[in-house]
Amino acid sequence: MAQKIKFVYVTAPNVDEASNIGRALVNEHLVACVNIIEGVRSIYRWENNIEDEKEVVLVMKTTENNIDAVTHKIKSMHSYDCPCVVALEITGGNPSFLQWVANETK
């Protein structure tokens, strides 16, 4: 498999927004799969204030070539001014699953 597979980690304010983003990305074949994890508590500094908020995490699987398009799509749909969108390297795993990700995101 020539394509490098990546995880994309994103936070969202609620499950509805996370679901809308996830469905759009899968529908456009930009990601193969999105896991939505509710019940996350995030503590962070924003505009000189310490925030303590409930959030939802999205974990997506895609190819390295799609990262820019995935980031652009998320930013266009996201309600945050500066959404967390980061790509993480996958260094191994089930070859059949990794190939499935590559096939789904062509």
PDB file of N, CA and C in Angstrom:
ATOM      1  N   MET A   1       0.843  -1.179   0.000  1.00  0.00           N
ATOM      2  CA  MET A   1       0.000   0.000   0.000  1.00  0.00           C
ATOM      3  C   MET A   1       0.886   1.239   0.000  1.00  0.00           C
ATOM      4  N   ALA A   2       0.713   2.093  -0.993  1.00  0.00           N
ATOM      5  CA  ALA A   2       1.557   3.271  -1.152  1.00  0.00           C
ATOM      6  C   ALA A   2       1.110   4.431  -0.268  1.00  0.00           C
ATOM      7  N   GLN A   3      -0.201   4.519   0.003  1.00  0.00           N
ATOM      8  CA  GLN A   3      -0.735   5.631   0.784  1.00  0.00           C
ATOM      9  C   GLN A   3      -0.426   5.463   2.272  1.00  0.00           C
ATOM     10  N   LYS A   4       0.013   6.531   2.909  1.00  0.00           N
ATOM     11  CA  LYS A   4       0.163   6.523   4.358  1.00  0.00           C
ATOM     12  C   LYS A   4      -1.198   6.835   4.969  1.00  0.00           C
ATOM     13  N   ILE A   5      -1.584   6.052   5.959  1.00  0.00           N
ATOM     14  CA  ILE A   5      -2.861   6.238   6.630  1.00  0.00           C
ATOM     15  C   ILE A   5      -2.640   7.094   7.871  1.00  0.00           C
ATOM     16  N   LYS A   6      -3.594   7.987   8.129  1.00  0.00           N
ATOM     17  CA  LYS A   6      -3.505   8.916   9.258  1.00  0.00           C
ATOM     18  C   LYS A   6      -4.785   8.878  10.077  1.00  0.00           C
ATOM     19  N   PHE A   7      -4.643   9.146  11.373  1.00  0.00           N
ATOM     20  CA  PHE A   7      -5.771   9.485  12.219  1.00  0.00           C
ATOM     21  C   PHE A   7      -5.911  11.004  12.161  1.00  0.00           C
ATOM     22  N   VAL A   8      -7.137  11.493  12.172  1.00  0.00           N
ATOM     23  CA  VAL A   8      -7.384  12.918  12.349  1.00  0.00           C
ATOM     24  C   VAL A   8      -8.187  13.059  13.633  1.00  0.00           C
ATOM     25  N   TYR A   9      -7.675  13.854  14.557  1.00  0.00           N
ATOM     26  CA  TYR A   9      -8.291  14.089  15.860  1.00  0.00           C
ATOM     27  C   TYR A   9      -8.922  15.476  15.833  1.00  0.00           C
ATOM     28  N   VAL A  10     -10.207  15.540  16.205  1.00  0.00           N
ATOM     29  CA  VAL A  10     -10.959  16.793  16.168  1.00  0.00           C
ATOM     30  C   VAL A  10     -11.821  16.860  17.429  1.00  0.00           C
ATOM     31  N   THR A  11     -12.006  18.052  17.974  1.00  0.00           N
ATOM     32  CA  THR A  11     -12.976  18.249  19.044  1.00  0.00           C
ATOM     33  C   THR A  11     -14.114  19.109  18.507  1.00  0.00           C
ATOM     34  N   ALA A  12     -15.315  18.879  19.049  1.00  0.00           N
ATOM     35  CA  ALA A  12     -16.502  19.638  18.661  1.00  0.00           C
ATOM     36  C   ALA A  12     -17.324  19.930  19.915  1.00  0.00           C
ATOM     37  N   PRO A  13     -18.214  20.919  19.845  1.00  0.00           N
ATOM     38  CA  PRO A  13     -18.963  21.302  21.036  1.00  0.00           C
ATOM     39  C   PRO A  13     -20.089  20.346  21.407  1.00  0.00           C
ATOM     40  N   ASN A  14     -20.581  19.558  20.441  1.00  0.00           N
ATOM     41  CA  ASN A  14     -21.709  18.671  20.738  1.00  0.00           C
ATOM     42  C   ASN A  14     -21.793  17.554  19.695  1.00  0.00           C
ATOM     43  N   VAL A  15     -22.602  16.552  19.994  1.00  0.00           N
ATOM     44  CA  VAL A  15     -22.689  15.372  19.136  1.00  0.00           C
ATOM     45  C   VAL A  15     -23.356  15.692  17.797  1.00  0.00           C
ATOM     46  N   ASP A  16     -24.281  16.641  17.770  1.00  0.00           N
ATOM     47  CA  ASP A  16     -24.921  16.987  16.500  1.00  0.00           C
ATOM     48  C   ASP A  16     -23.916  17.573  15.514  1.00  0.00           C
ATOM     49  N   GLU A  17     -23.105  18.508  15.979  1.00  0.00           N
ATOM     50  CA  GLU A  17     -22.098  19.094  15.094  1.00  0.00           C
ATOM     51  C   GLU A  17     -21.075  18.041  14.678  1.00  0.00           C
ATOM     52  N   ALA A  18     -20.655  17.223  15.621  1.00  0.00           N
ATOM     53  CA  ALA A  18     -19.696  16.160  15.305  1.00  0.00           C
ATOM     54  C   ALA A  18     -20.266  15.211  14.253  1.00  0.00           C
ATOM     55  N   SER A  19     -21.526  14.830  14.402  1.00  0.00           N
ATOM     56  CA  SER A  19     -22.162  13.924  13.441  1.00  0.00           C
ATOM     57  C   SER A  19     -22.271  14.558  12.059  1.00  0.00           C
ATOM     58  N   ASN A  20     -22.640  15.833  12.003  1.00  0.00           N
ATOM     59  CA  ASN A  20     -22.735  16.516  10.714  1.00  0.00           C
ATOM     60  C   ASN A  20     -21.390  16.555  10.006  1.00  0.00           C
ATOM     61  N   ILE A  21     -20.359  16.875  10.739  1.00  0.00           N
ATOM     62  CA  ILE A  21     -19.013  16.920  10.157  1.00  0.00           C
ATOM     63  C   ILE A  21     -18.601  15.519   9.701  1.00  0.00           C
ATOM     64  N   GLY A  22     -18.777  14.535  10.571  1.00  0.00           N
ATOM     65  CA  GLY A  22     -18.380  13.169  10.240  1.00  0.00           C
ATOM     66  C   GLY A  22     -19.093  12.635   9.015  1.00  0.00           C
ATOM     67  N   ARG A  23     -20.409  12.810   8.949  1.00  0.00           N
ATOM     68  CA  ARG A  23     -21.179  12.314   7.800  1.00  0.00           C
ATOM     69  C   ARG A  23     -20.739  12.979   6.496  1.00  0.00           C
ATOM     70  N   ALA A  24     -20.493  14.283   6.543  1.00  0.00           N
ATOM     71  CA  ALA A  24     -20.061  14.997   5.337  1.00  0.00           C
ATOM     72  C   ALA A  24     -18.726  14.459   4.833  1.00  0.00           C
ATOM     73  N   LEU A  25     -17.800  14.219   5.747  1.00  0.00           N
ATOM     74  CA  LEU A  25     -16.477  13.733   5.351  1.00  0.00           C
ATOM     75  C   LEU A  25     -16.531  12.315   4.790  1.00  0.00           C
ATOM     76  N   VAL A  26     -17.340  11.448   5.396  1.00  0.00           N
ATOM     77  CA  VAL A  26     -17.489  10.087   4.868  1.00  0.00           C
ATOM     78  C   VAL A  26     -18.208  10.131   3.528  1.00  0.00           C
ATOM     79  N   ASN A  27     -19.248  10.944   3.436  1.00  0.00           N
ATOM     80  CA  ASN A  27     -20.013  11.056   2.195  1.00  0.00           C
ATOM     81  C   ASN A  27     -19.140  11.494   1.019  1.00  0.00           C
ATOM     82  N   GLU A  28     -18.198  12.381   1.281  1.00  0.00           N
ATOM     83  CA  GLU A  28     -17.309  12.893   0.229  1.00  0.00           C
ATOM     84  C   GLU A  28     -16.052  12.037   0.047  1.00  0.00           C
ATOM     85  N   HIS A  29     -15.987  10.886   0.705  1.00  0.00           N
ATOM     86  CA  HIS A  29     -14.840   9.965   0.623  1.00  0.00           C
ATOM     87  C   HIS A  29     -13.531  10.624   1.057  1.00  0.00           C
ATOM     88  N   LEU A  30     -13.635  11.627   1.922  1.00  0.00           N
ATOM     89  CA  LEU A  30     -12.425  12.249   2.457  1.00  0.00           C
ATOM     90  C   LEU A  30     -11.869  11.466   3.634  1.00  0.00           C
ATOM     91  N   VAL A  31     -12.743  10.754   4.346  1.00  0.00           N
ATOM     92  CA  VAL A  31     -12.339   9.848   5.412  1.00  0.00           C
ATOM     93  C   VAL A  31     -13.098   8.541   5.240  1.00  0.00           C
ATOM     94  N   ALA A  32     -12.529   7.464   5.739  1.00  0.00           N
ATOM     95  CA  ALA A  32     -13.184   6.154   5.638  1.00  0.00           C
ATOM     96  C   ALA A  32     -14.138   5.925   6.797  1.00  0.00           C
ATOM     97  N   CYS A  33     -13.826   6.476   7.951  1.00  0.00           N
ATOM     98  CA  CYS A  33     -14.579   6.172   9.163  1.00  0.00           C
ATOM     99  C   CYS A  33     -14.386   7.305  10.158  1.00  0.00           C
ATOM    100  N   VAL A  34     -15.429   7.546  10.958  1.00  0.00           N
ATOM    101  CA  VAL A  34     -15.362   8.534  12.032  1.00  0.00           C
ATOM    102  C   VAL A  34     -15.900   7.894  13.300  1.00  0.00           C
ATOM    103  N   ASN A  35     -15.118   7.919  14.364  1.00  0.00           N
ATOM    104  CA  ASN A  35     -15.583   7.521  15.688  1.00  0.00           C
ATOM    105  C   ASN A  35     -15.924   8.799  16.450  1.00  0.00           C
ATOM    106  N   ILE A  36     -17.095   8.832  17.064  1.00  0.00           N
ATOM    107  CA  ILE A  36     -17.525   9.995  17.840  1.00  0.00           C
ATOM    108  C   ILE A  36     -17.593   9.567  19.305  1.00  0.00           C
ATOM    109  N   ILE A  37     -16.836  10.254  20.131  1.00  0.00           N
ATOM    110  CA  ILE A  37     -16.711   9.915  21.541  1.00  0.00           C
ATOM    111  C   ILE A  37     -17.289  11.060  22.367  1.00  0.00           C
ATOM    112  N   GLU A  38     -18.400  10.779  23.045  1.00  0.00           N
ATOM    113  CA  GLU A  38     -19.046  11.792  23.881  1.00  0.00           C
ATOM    114  C   GLU A  38     -18.464  11.764  25.293  1.00  0.00           C
ATOM    115  N   GLY A  39     -18.776  12.795  26.059  1.00  0.00           N
ATOM    116  CA  GLY A  39     -18.423  12.822  27.473  1.00  0.00           C
ATOM    117  C   GLY A  39     -17.001  13.257  27.761  1.00  0.00           C
ATOM    118  N   VAL A  40     -16.405  14.001  26.846  1.00  0.00           N
ATOM    119  CA  VAL A  40     -15.033  14.469  27.044  1.00  0.00           C
ATOM    120  C   VAL A  40     -15.076  15.816  27.763  1.00  0.00           C
ATOM    121  N   ARG A  41     -14.201  15.989  28.713  1.00  0.00           N
ATOM    122  CA  ARG A  41     -14.065  17.261  29.418  1.00  0.00           C
ATOM    123  C   ARG A  41     -12.745  17.886  29.004  1.00  0.00           C
ATOM    124  N   SER A  42     -12.802  19.125  28.540  1.00  0.00           N
ATOM    125  CA  SER A  42     -11.605  19.826  28.072  1.00  0.00           C
ATOM    126  C   SER A  42     -11.355  21.056  28.929  1.00  0.00           C
ATOM    127  N   ILE A  43     -10.127  21.175  29.387  1.00  0.00           N
ATOM    128  CA  ILE A  43      -9.693  22.356  30.141  1.00  0.00           C
ATOM    129  C   ILE A  43      -8.592  23.005  29.319  1.00  0.00           C
ATOM    130  N   TYR A  44      -8.772  24.279  29.002  1.00  0.00           N
ATOM    131  CA  TYR A  44      -7.834  24.956  28.113  1.00  0.00           C
ATOM    132  C   TYR A  44      -7.906  26.464  28.335  1.00  0.00           C
ATOM    133  N   ARG A  45      -6.886  27.147  27.838  1.00  0.00           N
ATOM    134  CA  ARG A  45      -6.856  28.609  27.916  1.00  0.00           C
ATOM    135  C   ARG A  45      -7.329  29.151  26.567  1.00  0.00           C
ATOM    136  N   TRP A  46      -8.301  30.071  26.611  1.00  0.00           N
ATOM    137  CA  TRP A  46      -8.779  30.719  25.392  1.00  0.00           C
ATOM    138  C   TRP A  46      -9.046  32.182  25.710  1.00  0.00           C
ATOM    139  N   GLU A  47      -8.396  33.065  24.967  1.00  0.00           N
ATOM    140  CA  GLU A  47      -8.526  34.508  25.146  1.00  0.00           C
ATOM    141  C   GLU A  47      -8.308  34.909  26.607  1.00  0.00           C
ATOM    142  N   ASN A  48      -7.218  34.398  27.181  1.00  0.00           N
ATOM    143  CA  ASN A  48      -6.766  34.701  28.542  1.00  0.00           C
ATOM    144  C   ASN A  48      -7.689  34.202  29.647  1.00  0.00           C
ATOM    145  N   ASN A  49      -8.596  33.300  29.329  1.00  0.00           N
ATOM    146  CA  ASN A  49      -9.457  32.693  30.337  1.00  0.00           C
ATOM    147  C   ASN A  49      -9.227  31.186  30.352  1.00  0.00           C
ATOM    148  N   ILE A  50      -9.290  30.604  31.541  1.00  0.00           N
ATOM    149  CA  ILE A  50      -9.243  29.150  31.642  1.00  0.00           C
ATOM    150  C   ILE A  50     -10.665  28.642  31.452  1.00  0.00           C
ATOM    151  N   GLU A  51     -10.856  27.813  30.437  1.00  0.00           N
ATOM    152  CA  GLU A  51     -12.170  27.255  30.108  1.00  0.00           C
ATOM    153  C   GLU A  51     -12.229  25.804  30.589  1.00  0.00           C
ATOM    154  N   ASP A  52     -13.404  25.363  30.964  1.00  0.00           N
ATOM    155  CA  ASP A  52     -13.646  23.993  31.402  1.00  0.00           C
ATOM    156  C   ASP A  52     -14.980  23.592  30.780  1.00  0.00           C
ATOM    157  N   GLU A  53     -14.922  22.858  29.669  1.00  0.00           N
ATOM    158  CA  GLU A  53     -16.109  22.605  28.856  1.00  0.00           C
ATOM    159  C   GLU A  53     -16.276  21.124  28.534  1.00  0.00           C
ATOM    160  N   LYS A  54     -17.521  20.732  28.314  1.00  0.00           N
ATOM    161  CA  LYS A  54     -17.806  19.415  27.756  1.00  0.00           C
ATOM    162  C   LYS A  54     -17.635  19.501  26.249  1.00  0.00           C
ATOM    163  N   GLU A  55     -16.999  18.495  25.668  1.00  0.00           N
ATOM    164  CA  GLU A  55     -16.806  18.434  24.225  1.00  0.00           C
ATOM    165  C   GLU A  55     -17.027  17.009  23.743  1.00  0.00           C
ATOM    166  N   VAL A  56     -16.974  16.856  22.450  1.00  0.00           N
ATOM    167  CA  VAL A  56     -17.084  15.577  21.774  1.00  0.00           C
ATOM    168  C   VAL A  56     -15.819  15.423  20.928  1.00  0.00           C
ATOM    169  N   VAL A  57     -15.254  14.226  20.909  1.00  0.00           N
ATOM    170  CA  VAL A  57     -14.052  13.965  20.107  1.00  0.00           C
ATOM    171  C   VAL A  57     -14.435  13.154  18.883  1.00  0.00           C
ATOM    172  N   LEU A  58     -13.868  13.517  17.753  1.00  0.00           N
ATOM    173  CA  LEU A  58     -13.967  12.740  16.522  1.00  0.00           C
ATOM    174  C   LEU A  58     -12.589  12.165  16.224  1.00  0.00           C
ATOM    175  N   VAL A  59     -12.526  10.885  15.940  1.00  0.00           N
ATOM    176  CA  VAL A  59     -11.300  10.236  15.493  1.00  0.00           C
ATOM    177  C   VAL A  59     -11.602   9.684  14.102  1.00  0.00           C
ATOM    178  N   MET A  60     -10.860  10.167  13.122  1.00  0.00           N
ATOM    179  CA  MET A  60     -11.118   9.816  11.734  1.00  0.00           C
ATOM    180  C   MET A  60      -9.930   9.073  11.146  1.00  0.00           C
ATOM    181  N   LYS A  61     -10.210   8.234  10.153  1.00  0.00           N
ATOM    182  CA  LYS A  61      -9.158   7.526   9.449  1.00  0.00           C
ATOM    183  C   LYS A  61      -9.189   7.961   7.998  1.00  0.00           C
ATOM    184  N   THR A  62      -8.028   8.356   7.488  1.00  0.00           N
ATOM    185  CA  THR A  62      -7.926   8.821   6.118  1.00  0.00           C
ATOM    186  C   THR A  62      -6.500   8.624   5.616  1.00  0.00           C
ATOM    187  N   THR A  63      -6.248   9.094   4.413  1.00  0.00           N
ATOM    188  CA  THR A  63      -4.903   9.015   3.852  1.00  0.00           C
ATOM    189  C   THR A  63      -4.195  10.359   4.002  1.00  0.00           C
ATOM    190  N   GLU A  64      -2.882  10.299   3.968  1.00  0.00           N
ATOM    191  CA  GLU A  64      -2.077  11.513   4.085  1.00  0.00           C
ATOM    192  C   GLU A  64      -2.450  12.534   3.009  1.00  0.00           C
ATOM    193  N   ASN A  65      -2.742  12.066   1.803  1.00  0.00           N
ATOM    194  CA  ASN A  65      -3.080  12.980   0.710  1.00  0.00           C
ATOM    195  C   ASN A  65      -4.362  13.762   0.954  1.00  0.00           C
ATOM    196  N   ASN A  66      -5.235  13.271   1.817  1.00  0.00           N
ATOM    197  CA  ASN A  66      -6.511  13.943   2.077  1.00  0.00           C
ATOM    198  C   ASN A  66      -6.473  14.934   3.230  1.00  0.00           C
ATOM    199  N   ILE A  67      -5.382  15.034   3.938  1.00  0.00           N
ATOM    200  CA  ILE A  67      -5.341  15.846   5.158  1.00  0.00           C
ATOM    201  C   ILE A  67      -5.728  17.303   4.893  1.00  0.00           C
ATOM    202  N   ASP A  68      -5.204  17.915   3.860  1.00  0.00           N
ATOM    203  CA  ASP A  68      -5.529  19.321   3.584  1.00  0.00           C
ATOM    204  C   ASP A  68      -7.018  19.493   3.285  1.00  0.00           C
ATOM    205  N   ALA A  69      -7.590  18.605   2.467  1.00  0.00           N
ATOM    206  CA  ALA A  69      -9.015  18.697   2.129  1.00  0.00           C
ATOM    207  C   ALA A  69      -9.886  18.438   3.356  1.00  0.00           C
ATOM    208  N   VAL A  70      -9.499  17.470   4.185  1.00  0.00           N
ATOM    209  CA  VAL A  70     -10.240  17.174   5.413  1.00  0.00           C
ATOM    210  C   VAL A  70     -10.213  18.391   6.339  1.00  0.00           C
ATOM    211  N   THR A  71      -9.052  18.974   6.521  1.00  0.00           N
ATOM    212  CA  THR A  71      -8.917  20.150   7.385  1.00  0.00           C
ATOM    213  C   THR A  71      -9.770  21.299   6.876  1.00  0.00           C
ATOM    214  N   HIS A  72      -9.724  21.554   5.587  1.00  0.00           N
ATOM    215  CA  HIS A  72     -10.508  22.635   4.989  1.00  0.00           C
ATOM    216  C   HIS A  72     -12.008  22.407   5.202  1.00  0.00           C
ATOM    217  N   LYS A  73     -12.473  21.186   4.959  1.00  0.00           N
ATOM    218  CA  LYS A  73     -13.896  20.865   5.111  1.00  0.00           C
ATOM    219  C   LYS A  73     -14.334  21.031   6.564  1.00  0.00           C
ATOM    220  N   ILE A  74     -13.527  20.542   7.500  1.00  0.00           N
ATOM    221  CA  ILE A  74     -13.868  20.678   8.915  1.00  0.00           C
ATOM    222  C   ILE A  74     -13.957  22.151   9.293  1.00  0.00           C
ATOM    223  N   LYS A  75     -12.963  22.930   8.906  1.00  0.00           N
ATOM    224  CA  LYS A  75     -12.967  24.348   9.248  1.00  0.00           C
ATOM    225  C   LYS A  75     -14.182  25.065   8.650  1.00  0.00           C
ATOM    226  N   SER A  76     -14.624  24.649   7.468  1.00  0.00           N
ATOM    227  CA  SER A  76     -15.775  25.299   6.835  1.00  0.00           C
ATOM    228  C   SER A  76     -17.092  24.964   7.533  1.00  0.00           C
ATOM    229  N   MET A  77     -17.150  23.838   8.251  1.00  0.00           N
ATOM    230  CA  MET A  77     -18.378  23.397   8.908  1.00  0.00           C
ATOM    231  C   MET A  77     -18.395  23.641  10.410  1.00  0.00           C
ATOM    232  N   HIS A  78     -17.253  23.914  11.000  1.00  0.00           N
ATOM    233  CA  HIS A  78     -17.091  23.941  12.460  1.00  0.00           C
ATOM    234  C   HIS A  78     -17.524  25.279  13.041  1.00  0.00           C
ATOM    235  N   SER A  79     -18.121  25.240  14.229  1.00  0.00           N
ATOM    236  CA  SER A  79     -18.570  26.470  14.884  1.00  0.00           C
ATOM    237  C   SER A  79     -17.464  27.184  15.661  1.00  0.00           C
ATOM    238  N   TYR A  80     -16.360  26.510  15.956  1.00  0.00           N
ATOM    239  CA  TYR A  80     -15.272  27.150  16.703  1.00  0.00           C
ATOM    240  C   TYR A  80     -14.482  28.090  15.784  1.00  0.00           C
ATOM    241  N   ASP A  81     -13.955  29.167  16.368  1.00  0.00           N
ATOM    242  CA  ASP A  81     -13.080  30.076  15.626  1.00  0.00           C
ATOM    243  C   ASP A  81     -11.775  29.398  15.225  1.00  0.00           C
ATOM    244  N   CYS A  82     -11.287  28.528  16.097  1.00  0.00           N
ATOM    245  CA  CYS A  82     -10.002  27.861  15.874  1.00  0.00           C
ATOM    246  C   CYS A  82     -10.139  26.386  16.266  1.00  0.00           C
ATOM    247  N   PRO A  83     -10.801  25.578  15.413  1.00  0.00           N
ATOM    248  CA  PRO A  83     -11.040  24.178  15.796  1.00  0.00           C
ATOM    249  C   PRO A  83      -9.751  23.361  15.863  1.00  0.00           C
ATOM    250  N   CYS A  84      -9.736  22.436  16.803  1.00  0.00           N
ATOM    251  CA  CYS A  84      -8.639  21.476  16.899  1.00  0.00           C
ATOM    252  C   CYS A  84      -8.791  20.473  15.759  1.00  0.00           C
ATOM    253  N   VAL A  85      -7.854  20.475  14.848  1.00  0.00           N
ATOM    254  CA  VAL A  85      -7.795  19.490  13.763  1.00  0.00           C
ATOM    255  C   VAL A  85      -6.327  19.117  13.638  1.00  0.00           C
ATOM    256  N   VAL A  86      -5.979  17.899  14.055  1.00  0.00           N
ATOM    257  CA  VAL A  86      -4.582  17.465  13.961  1.00  0.00           C
ATOM    258  C   VAL A  86      -4.527  16.074  13.347  1.00  0.00           C
ATOM    259  N   ALA A  87      -3.503  15.847  12.553  1.00  0.00           N
ATOM    260  CA  ALA A  87      -3.281  14.543  11.931  1.00  0.00           C
ATOM    261  C   ALA A  87      -2.184  13.814  12.690  1.00  0.00           C
ATOM    262  N   LEU A  88      -2.438  12.538  12.945  1.00  0.00           N
ATOM    263  CA  LEU A  88      -1.494  11.711  13.690  1.00  0.00           C
ATOM    264  C   LEU A  88      -1.064  10.537  12.822  1.00  0.00           C
ATOM    265  N   GLU A  89       0.200  10.216  12.886  1.00  0.00           N
ATOM    266  CA  GLU A  89       0.757   9.130  12.086  1.00  0.00           C
ATOM    267  C   GLU A  89       0.335   7.768  12.631  1.00  0.00           C
ATOM    268  N   ILE A  90       0.001   6.880  11.729  1.00  0.00           N
ATOM    269  CA  ILE A  90      -0.243   5.479  12.064  1.00  0.00           C
ATOM    270  C   ILE A  90       0.980   4.706  11.586  1.00  0.00           C
ATOM    271  N   THR A  91       1.611   3.979  12.474  1.00  0.00           N
ATOM    272  CA  THR A  91       2.861   3.304  12.121  1.00  0.00           C
ATOM    273  C   THR A  91       2.705   1.814  11.873  1.00  0.00           C
ATOM    274  N   GLY A  92       1.503   1.296  12.058  1.00  0.00           N
ATOM    275  CA  GLY A  92       1.287  -0.128  11.831  1.00  0.00           C
ATOM    276  C   GLY A  92      -0.153  -0.481  12.097  1.00  0.00           C
ATOM    277  N   GLY A  93      -0.469  -1.760  11.963  1.00  0.00           N
ATOM    278  CA  GLY A  93      -1.822  -2.221  12.227  1.00  0.00           C
ATOM    279  C   GLY A  93      -2.237  -3.305  11.252  1.00  0.00           C
ATOM    280  N   ASN A  94      -3.512  -3.613  11.258  1.00  0.00           N
ATOM    281  CA  ASN A  94      -4.071  -4.644  10.396  1.00  0.00           C
ATOM    282  C   ASN A  94      -3.970  -4.196   8.935  1.00  0.00           C
ATOM    283  N   PRO A  95      -3.162  -4.853   8.125  1.00  0.00           N
ATOM    284  CA  PRO A  95      -3.002  -4.437   6.728  1.00  0.00           C
ATOM    285  C   PRO A  95      -4.317  -4.392   5.960  1.00  0.00           C
ATOM    286  N   SER A  96      -5.221  -5.311   6.243  1.00  0.00           N
ATOM    287  CA  SER A  96      -6.512  -5.311   5.550  1.00  0.00           C
ATOM    288  C   SER A  96      -7.322  -4.065   5.900  1.00  0.00           C
ATOM    289  N   PHE A  97      -7.301  -3.665   7.169  1.00  0.00           N
ATOM    290  CA  PHE A  97      -8.014  -2.457   7.577  1.00  0.00           C
ATOM    291  C   PHE A  97      -7.387  -1.224   6.939  1.00  0.00           C
ATOM    292  N   LEU A  98      -6.071  -1.141   6.969  1.00  0.00           N
ATOM    293  CA  LEU A  98      -5.385   0.012   6.391  1.00  0.00           C
ATOM    294  C   LEU A  98      -5.658   0.113   4.892  1.00  0.00           C
ATOM    295  N   GLN A  99      -5.718  -1.021   4.220  1.00  0.00           N
ATOM    296  CA  GLN A  99      -6.044  -1.021   2.793  1.00  0.00           C
ATOM    297  C   GLN A  99      -7.482  -0.578   2.578  1.00  0.00           C
ATOM    298  N   TRP A 100      -8.398  -0.998   3.450  1.00  0.00           N
ATOM    299  CA  TRP A 100      -9.775  -0.555   3.364  1.00  0.00           C
ATOM    300  C   TRP A 100      -9.878   0.956   3.465  1.00  0.00           C
ATOM    301  N   VAL A 101      -9.131   1.562   4.406  1.00  0.00           N
ATOM    302  CA  VAL A 101      -9.122   3.020   4.540  1.00  0.00           C
ATOM    303  C   VAL A 101      -8.664   3.646   3.230  1.00  0.00           C
ATOM    304  N   ALA A 102      -7.582   3.140   2.675  1.00  0.00           N
ATOM    305  CA  ALA A 102      -7.075   3.688   1.405  1.00  0.00           C
ATOM    306  C   ALA A 102      -8.109   3.551   0.290  1.00  0.00           C
ATOM    307  N   ASN A 103      -8.766   2.412   0.212  1.00  0.00           N
ATOM    308  CA  ASN A 103      -9.769   2.191  -0.836  1.00  0.00           C
ATOM    309  C   ASN A 103     -10.975   3.103  -0.682  1.00  0.00           C
ATOM    310  N   GLU A 104     -11.401   3.338   0.547  1.00  0.00           N
ATOM    311  CA  GLU A 104     -12.590   4.160   0.795  1.00  0.00           C
ATOM    312  C   GLU A 104     -12.368   5.650   0.572  1.00  0.00           C
ATOM    313  N   THR A 105     -11.117   6.061   0.534  1.00  0.00           N
ATOM    314  CA  THR A 105     -10.812   7.487   0.444  1.00  0.00           C
ATOM    315  C   THR A 105     -10.179   7.885  -0.877  1.00  0.00           C
ATOM    316  N   LYS A 106     -10.394   7.074  -1.901  1.00  0.00           N
ATOM    317  CA  LYS A 106      -9.856   7.403  -3.228  1.00  0.00           C
ATOM    318  C   LYS A 106     -10.715   8.439  -3.904  1.00  0.00           C
TER     319      LYS A 106
END
